[in-house]
Each structure stands twice: as C-alpha cells, then as structure tokens.
N, C-alpha and C. Protein backbone atom coordinates (compact mmCIF):
# COMPACT_ATOMS: atom_id res chain seq x y z
N MET A 1 -41.01 -12.20 -28.60
CA MET A 1 -40.12 -12.60 -27.53
C MET A 1 -38.90 -11.67 -27.47
N ARG A 2 -38.37 -11.26 -28.63
CA ARG A 2 -37.22 -10.38 -28.66
C ARG A 2 -37.55 -9.02 -28.07
N LYS A 3 -38.76 -8.51 -28.36
CA LYS A 3 -39.16 -7.22 -27.80
C LYS A 3 -39.27 -7.30 -26.29
N LEU A 4 -39.69 -8.44 -25.78
CA LEU A 4 -39.81 -8.62 -24.35
C LEU A 4 -38.43 -8.55 -23.68
N SER A 5 -37.42 -9.19 -24.28
CA SER A 5 -36.08 -9.14 -23.69
C SER A 5 -35.48 -7.74 -23.82
N GLN A 6 -35.78 -7.02 -24.90
CA GLN A 6 -35.30 -5.65 -25.05
C GLN A 6 -35.95 -4.75 -23.99
N LEU A 7 -37.24 -4.96 -23.76
CA LEU A 7 -37.96 -4.19 -22.76
C LEU A 7 -37.39 -4.47 -21.36
N ALA A 8 -37.06 -5.73 -21.07
CA ALA A 8 -36.49 -6.09 -19.77
C ALA A 8 -35.12 -5.45 -19.60
N ALA A 9 -34.31 -5.45 -20.66
CA ALA A 9 -32.99 -4.83 -20.60
C ALA A 9 -33.11 -3.32 -20.37
N ALA A 10 -34.03 -2.67 -21.05
CA ALA A 10 -34.24 -1.24 -20.87
C ALA A 10 -34.72 -0.94 -19.46
N SER A 11 -35.58 -1.80 -18.92
CA SER A 11 -36.08 -1.63 -17.57
C SER A 11 -34.93 -1.74 -16.56
N ASN A 12 -34.03 -2.71 -16.76
CA ASN A 12 -32.87 -2.87 -15.86
C ASN A 12 -31.96 -1.65 -15.93
N LEU A 13 -31.76 -1.12 -17.13
CA LEU A 13 -30.92 0.05 -17.31
C LEU A 13 -31.53 1.26 -16.59
N LEU A 14 -32.83 1.43 -16.72
CA LEU A 14 -33.52 2.52 -16.05
C LEU A 14 -33.42 2.37 -14.53
N ALA A 15 -33.55 1.14 -14.04
CA ALA A 15 -33.45 0.90 -12.60
C ALA A 15 -32.05 1.24 -12.10
N LEU A 16 -31.02 0.93 -12.89
CA LEU A 16 -29.65 1.26 -12.49
C LEU A 16 -29.44 2.77 -12.41
N LYS A 17 -30.06 3.51 -13.34
CA LYS A 17 -29.89 4.96 -13.36
C LYS A 17 -30.60 5.64 -12.19
N THR A 18 -31.66 5.03 -11.68
CA THR A 18 -32.44 5.68 -10.63
C THR A 18 -32.01 5.26 -9.24
N ARG A 19 -31.22 4.18 -9.11
CA ARG A 19 -30.75 3.75 -7.80
C ARG A 19 -29.63 4.67 -7.32
N PRO A 20 -29.57 4.94 -6.02
CA PRO A 20 -28.44 5.72 -5.51
C PRO A 20 -27.16 4.91 -5.66
N THR A 21 -26.11 5.57 -6.03
CA THR A 21 -24.83 4.89 -6.22
C THR A 21 -24.10 4.82 -4.89
N ARG A 22 -23.61 3.63 -4.58
CA ARG A 22 -22.83 3.43 -3.37
C ARG A 22 -21.42 3.06 -3.77
N ILE A 23 -20.47 3.72 -3.18
CA ILE A 23 -19.08 3.45 -3.46
C ILE A 23 -18.45 2.90 -2.19
N ARG A 24 -17.82 1.75 -2.32
CA ARG A 24 -17.15 1.13 -1.18
C ARG A 24 -15.67 1.48 -1.24
N VAL A 25 -15.16 2.04 -0.15
CA VAL A 25 -13.75 2.41 -0.08
C VAL A 25 -13.09 1.51 0.93
N HIS A 26 -12.02 0.81 0.51
CA HIS A 26 -11.29 -0.07 1.41
C HIS A 26 -10.14 0.71 2.02
N GLN A 27 -10.09 0.77 3.32
CA GLN A 27 -9.06 1.52 4.02
C GLN A 27 -7.88 0.66 4.44
N GLY A 28 -7.92 -0.63 4.14
CA GLY A 28 -6.82 -1.51 4.53
C GLY A 28 -6.92 -1.88 5.98
N GLY A 29 -5.87 -2.50 6.47
CA GLY A 29 -5.85 -2.89 7.87
C GLY A 29 -6.51 -4.23 8.13
N GLY A 30 -7.08 -4.84 7.11
CA GLY A 30 -7.68 -6.15 7.28
C GLY A 30 -6.60 -7.20 7.42
N THR A 31 -7.01 -8.39 7.84
CA THR A 31 -6.02 -9.44 7.99
C THR A 31 -5.74 -10.06 6.64
N LYS A 32 -4.51 -10.36 6.43
CA LYS A 32 -4.07 -10.95 5.18
C LYS A 32 -3.38 -12.25 5.51
N GLY A 33 -3.44 -13.19 4.59
CA GLY A 33 -2.76 -14.46 4.77
C GLY A 33 -1.26 -14.30 4.61
N PRO A 34 -0.51 -15.34 4.97
CA PRO A 34 0.94 -15.26 4.85
C PRO A 34 1.36 -15.05 3.40
N GLY A 35 2.34 -14.20 3.20
CA GLY A 35 2.85 -13.98 1.87
C GLY A 35 2.02 -13.05 1.01
N ARG A 36 0.97 -12.51 1.59
CA ARG A 36 0.12 -11.60 0.83
C ARG A 36 0.48 -10.18 1.18
N SER A 37 0.40 -9.32 0.16
CA SER A 37 0.67 -7.91 0.46
C SER A 37 -0.63 -7.24 0.83
N GLY A 38 -0.54 -6.14 1.53
CA GLY A 38 -1.73 -5.41 1.93
C GLY A 38 -1.46 -3.94 1.98
N ARG A 39 -2.53 -3.17 1.99
CA ARG A 39 -2.40 -1.72 2.04
C ARG A 39 -2.47 -1.31 3.50
N ASN A 40 -1.40 -1.49 4.19
CA ASN A 40 -1.34 -1.12 5.60
C ASN A 40 -0.78 0.28 5.73
N VAL A 41 -1.48 1.24 5.20
CA VAL A 41 -1.01 2.62 5.24
C VAL A 41 -0.92 3.07 6.68
N SER A 42 0.18 3.72 7.00
CA SER A 42 0.42 4.13 8.38
C SER A 42 0.61 5.64 8.45
N THR A 43 0.23 6.20 9.58
CA THR A 43 0.52 7.61 9.82
C THR A 43 1.77 7.74 10.68
N LYS A 44 2.19 6.62 11.27
CA LYS A 44 3.40 6.59 12.10
C LYS A 44 4.63 6.67 11.20
N THR A 45 5.61 7.43 11.64
CA THR A 45 6.84 7.53 10.87
C THR A 45 8.00 6.93 11.66
N SER A 46 9.02 6.53 10.91
CA SER A 46 10.24 6.00 11.50
C SER A 46 11.39 6.95 11.17
N LYS A 47 12.42 6.88 11.97
CA LYS A 47 13.58 7.76 11.76
C LYS A 47 14.82 6.91 11.46
N PRO A 48 15.88 7.55 10.96
CA PRO A 48 17.11 6.81 10.70
C PRO A 48 17.60 6.08 11.95
N GLY A 49 18.03 4.85 11.74
CA GLY A 49 18.50 4.02 12.85
C GLY A 49 17.44 3.06 13.36
N ASP A 50 16.15 3.40 13.17
CA ASP A 50 15.08 2.47 13.56
C ASP A 50 15.17 1.23 12.67
N ILE A 51 14.76 0.09 13.20
CA ILE A 51 14.77 -1.15 12.45
C ILE A 51 13.43 -1.30 11.70
N VAL A 52 13.52 -1.69 10.44
CA VAL A 52 12.32 -1.90 9.61
C VAL A 52 11.59 -3.13 10.14
N LYS A 53 10.33 -2.96 10.54
CA LYS A 53 9.55 -4.06 11.10
C LYS A 53 8.76 -4.81 10.03
N GLN A 54 8.43 -4.13 8.92
CA GLN A 54 7.66 -4.77 7.85
C GLN A 54 8.29 -4.40 6.51
N SER A 55 8.59 -5.42 5.71
CA SER A 55 9.07 -5.15 4.35
C SER A 55 7.94 -4.50 3.57
N GLY A 56 8.32 -3.55 2.73
CA GLY A 56 7.29 -2.90 1.94
C GLY A 56 7.77 -1.61 1.30
N ILE A 57 6.80 -0.85 0.83
CA ILE A 57 7.08 0.42 0.18
C ILE A 57 6.87 1.52 1.20
N TYR A 58 7.87 2.37 1.35
CA TYR A 58 7.85 3.47 2.31
C TYR A 58 7.97 4.80 1.60
N GLU A 59 7.23 5.79 2.10
CA GLU A 59 7.39 7.16 1.61
C GLU A 59 8.52 7.79 2.41
N VAL A 60 9.44 8.43 1.70
CA VAL A 60 10.56 9.12 2.34
C VAL A 60 10.22 10.60 2.38
N ILE A 61 10.19 11.18 3.58
CA ILE A 61 9.82 12.58 3.77
C ILE A 61 11.07 13.32 4.24
N HIS A 62 11.58 14.19 3.39
CA HIS A 62 12.82 14.90 3.68
C HIS A 62 12.55 16.19 4.46
N ASP A 63 13.60 16.70 5.10
CA ASP A 63 13.53 17.91 5.90
C ASP A 63 13.47 19.15 5.02
N ARG A 64 12.62 20.08 5.40
CA ARG A 64 12.54 21.41 4.77
C ARG A 64 12.48 21.37 3.25
N GLU A 65 11.77 20.41 2.75
CA GLU A 65 11.54 20.30 1.31
C GLU A 65 12.83 20.30 0.49
N HIS A 66 13.89 19.76 1.06
CA HIS A 66 15.14 19.63 0.30
C HIS A 66 14.89 18.78 -0.93
N ARG A 67 13.95 17.86 -0.81
CA ARG A 67 13.57 17.01 -1.93
C ARG A 67 12.12 16.62 -1.71
N THR A 68 11.37 16.48 -2.82
CA THR A 68 9.98 16.07 -2.67
C THR A 68 9.95 14.63 -2.17
N ALA A 69 8.87 14.29 -1.52
CA ALA A 69 8.70 12.93 -1.00
C ALA A 69 8.76 11.94 -2.16
N HIS A 70 9.31 10.78 -1.88
CA HIS A 70 9.41 9.72 -2.88
C HIS A 70 9.27 8.38 -2.18
N GLU A 71 9.10 7.32 -2.96
CA GLU A 71 8.89 6.01 -2.39
C GLU A 71 10.11 5.12 -2.61
N VAL A 72 10.37 4.26 -1.61
CA VAL A 72 11.47 3.31 -1.66
C VAL A 72 11.00 1.97 -1.11
N VAL A 73 11.75 0.93 -1.40
CA VAL A 73 11.48 -0.39 -0.83
C VAL A 73 12.43 -0.61 0.34
N MET A 74 11.89 -1.02 1.47
CA MET A 74 12.70 -1.32 2.65
C MET A 74 12.41 -2.76 3.06
N ILE A 75 13.46 -3.45 3.53
CA ILE A 75 13.36 -4.86 3.88
C ILE A 75 13.39 -5.04 5.40
N ASN A 76 12.51 -5.90 5.89
CA ASN A 76 12.40 -6.23 7.31
C ASN A 76 13.78 -6.58 7.86
N GLY A 77 14.14 -5.98 8.99
CA GLY A 77 15.40 -6.26 9.65
C GLY A 77 16.49 -5.26 9.34
N ASP A 78 16.37 -4.53 8.23
CA ASP A 78 17.35 -3.49 7.91
C ASP A 78 17.08 -2.26 8.78
N ALA A 79 18.04 -1.37 8.83
CA ALA A 79 17.87 -0.10 9.55
C ALA A 79 17.54 1.00 8.54
N PHE A 80 16.66 1.92 8.92
CA PHE A 80 16.38 3.07 8.07
C PHE A 80 17.65 3.93 8.02
N PRO A 81 18.05 4.38 6.83
CA PRO A 81 19.31 5.13 6.70
C PRO A 81 19.13 6.64 6.90
N ASN A 82 20.25 7.32 7.12
CA ASN A 82 20.29 8.78 7.12
C ASN A 82 20.21 9.27 5.67
N CYS A 83 19.74 10.49 5.48
CA CYS A 83 19.82 11.15 4.18
C CYS A 83 21.14 11.90 4.14
N GLU A 84 21.82 11.91 2.99
CA GLU A 84 23.10 12.62 2.89
C GLU A 84 22.94 14.12 3.15
N THR A 85 21.77 14.69 2.83
CA THR A 85 21.53 16.12 3.05
C THR A 85 20.81 16.38 4.37
N CYS A 86 19.74 15.65 4.63
CA CYS A 86 18.91 15.87 5.83
C CYS A 86 19.50 15.24 7.09
N ASP A 87 20.42 14.32 6.93
CA ASP A 87 21.01 13.56 8.02
C ASP A 87 19.91 12.85 8.81
N GLN A 88 19.72 13.19 10.07
CA GLN A 88 18.72 12.54 10.93
C GLN A 88 17.31 13.12 10.76
N ASN A 89 17.17 14.16 9.98
CA ASN A 89 15.87 14.83 9.84
C ASN A 89 15.05 14.31 8.67
N VAL A 90 15.20 13.06 8.33
CA VAL A 90 14.39 12.42 7.30
C VAL A 90 13.50 11.40 8.01
N ARG A 91 12.29 11.20 7.49
CA ARG A 91 11.34 10.25 8.08
C ARG A 91 10.83 9.29 7.01
N PHE A 92 10.38 8.13 7.47
CA PHE A 92 9.89 7.08 6.59
C PHE A 92 8.50 6.66 7.05
N ARG A 93 7.57 6.57 6.11
CA ARG A 93 6.18 6.19 6.43
C ARG A 93 5.78 5.00 5.57
N LEU A 94 5.26 3.94 6.20
CA LEU A 94 4.83 2.76 5.47
C LEU A 94 3.64 3.09 4.59
N VAL A 95 3.76 2.81 3.30
CA VAL A 95 2.67 3.02 2.35
C VAL A 95 1.93 1.72 2.10
N ARG A 96 2.72 0.65 1.87
CA ARG A 96 2.11 -0.65 1.57
C ARG A 96 3.09 -1.75 1.92
N THR A 97 2.61 -2.75 2.64
CA THR A 97 3.47 -3.89 2.94
C THR A 97 3.63 -4.72 1.67
N ALA A 98 4.77 -5.33 1.55
CA ALA A 98 5.06 -6.22 0.43
C ALA A 98 6.19 -7.14 0.86
N PRO A 99 5.95 -8.44 0.96
CA PRO A 99 7.00 -9.32 1.45
C PRO A 99 8.16 -9.42 0.46
N TYR A 100 9.37 -9.46 0.98
CA TYR A 100 10.57 -9.63 0.17
C TYR A 100 10.60 -11.08 -0.31
N ILE A 101 10.80 -11.28 -1.59
CA ILE A 101 10.69 -12.61 -2.19
C ILE A 101 11.60 -13.63 -1.51
N PHE A 102 12.80 -13.23 -1.12
CA PHE A 102 13.72 -14.19 -0.54
C PHE A 102 13.50 -14.41 0.96
N GLN A 103 12.47 -13.76 1.52
CA GLN A 103 12.06 -14.06 2.89
C GLN A 103 10.79 -14.91 2.89
N ASP A 104 10.31 -15.28 1.73
CA ASP A 104 9.14 -16.15 1.56
C ASP A 104 9.63 -17.60 1.67
N GLN A 105 8.87 -18.45 2.34
CA GLN A 105 9.30 -19.83 2.58
C GLN A 105 9.56 -20.60 1.29
N ASP A 106 8.90 -20.26 0.20
CA ASP A 106 9.10 -20.99 -1.05
C ASP A 106 10.30 -20.47 -1.84
N PHE A 107 10.87 -19.33 -1.46
CA PHE A 107 11.96 -18.72 -2.21
C PHE A 107 13.19 -18.41 -1.37
N GLU A 108 13.20 -18.82 -0.11
CA GLU A 108 14.32 -18.51 0.77
C GLU A 108 15.64 -18.99 0.18
N GLU A 109 16.65 -18.15 0.30
CA GLU A 109 17.97 -18.53 -0.17
C GLU A 109 18.61 -19.49 0.83
N GLU A 110 19.35 -20.44 0.32
CA GLU A 110 20.04 -21.38 1.21
C GLU A 110 21.21 -20.68 1.88
N LYS A 111 21.43 -21.00 3.15
CA LYS A 111 22.52 -20.37 3.91
C LYS A 111 23.69 -21.29 4.03
C-alpha cells in the first residue's frame, strides 16, 4: 500500500513538471468593497494645486531629474503641493489607493 501511494505521488509530480505553467497577473482596477485598498495604478498625473481625489500612495515625479522619483501618502481632499525646487513642474501619479484611517466610518474623529 505504501508503494502505491509513493507511486501516485511520483506520478503527480511528473504531471506537474510536464504541464505548461500558467501565470496569472492581476492588473488591478477591479471593484473593491468599502474600506479596502486596491492597486489602482494610474498613468494619469496630477499637478500642484489639484485636489487629491483618492487617498493613497503617490509617486512623485520631479522636473529634470532634480530628484529621483519617490513615493508619498496623500489624503483625499488635500491639494497636491509645489516642490521647493521644481515649483509647478512636479507631478503626482497614483500607485495604490489606501483609505486614511480617520476617514473610515469606524475610526472617524469626533468633530
């Protein structure tokens, strides 16, 4: 009986090695429930003075490589700021949405 189970295991291993491998890549953009974060990667950029529409992590792209791109957290309702060096020539790109804890119904601060 033990040899039979070893033979079955070896057969399954061989079958796995001979099957074509499929890799599933999730591109985001699916619907998420309230309070859930998602990978809503965007190609659209925002400029200083624009209002942040979604809280989350944004890539900051500076003018003329004054500084390498980096990531920051921006909160819904705030305005994107100027860069002290680039001034208006800095752009912001949404990398991933992430709700701000104090804008969540279970954690809202009392006013």
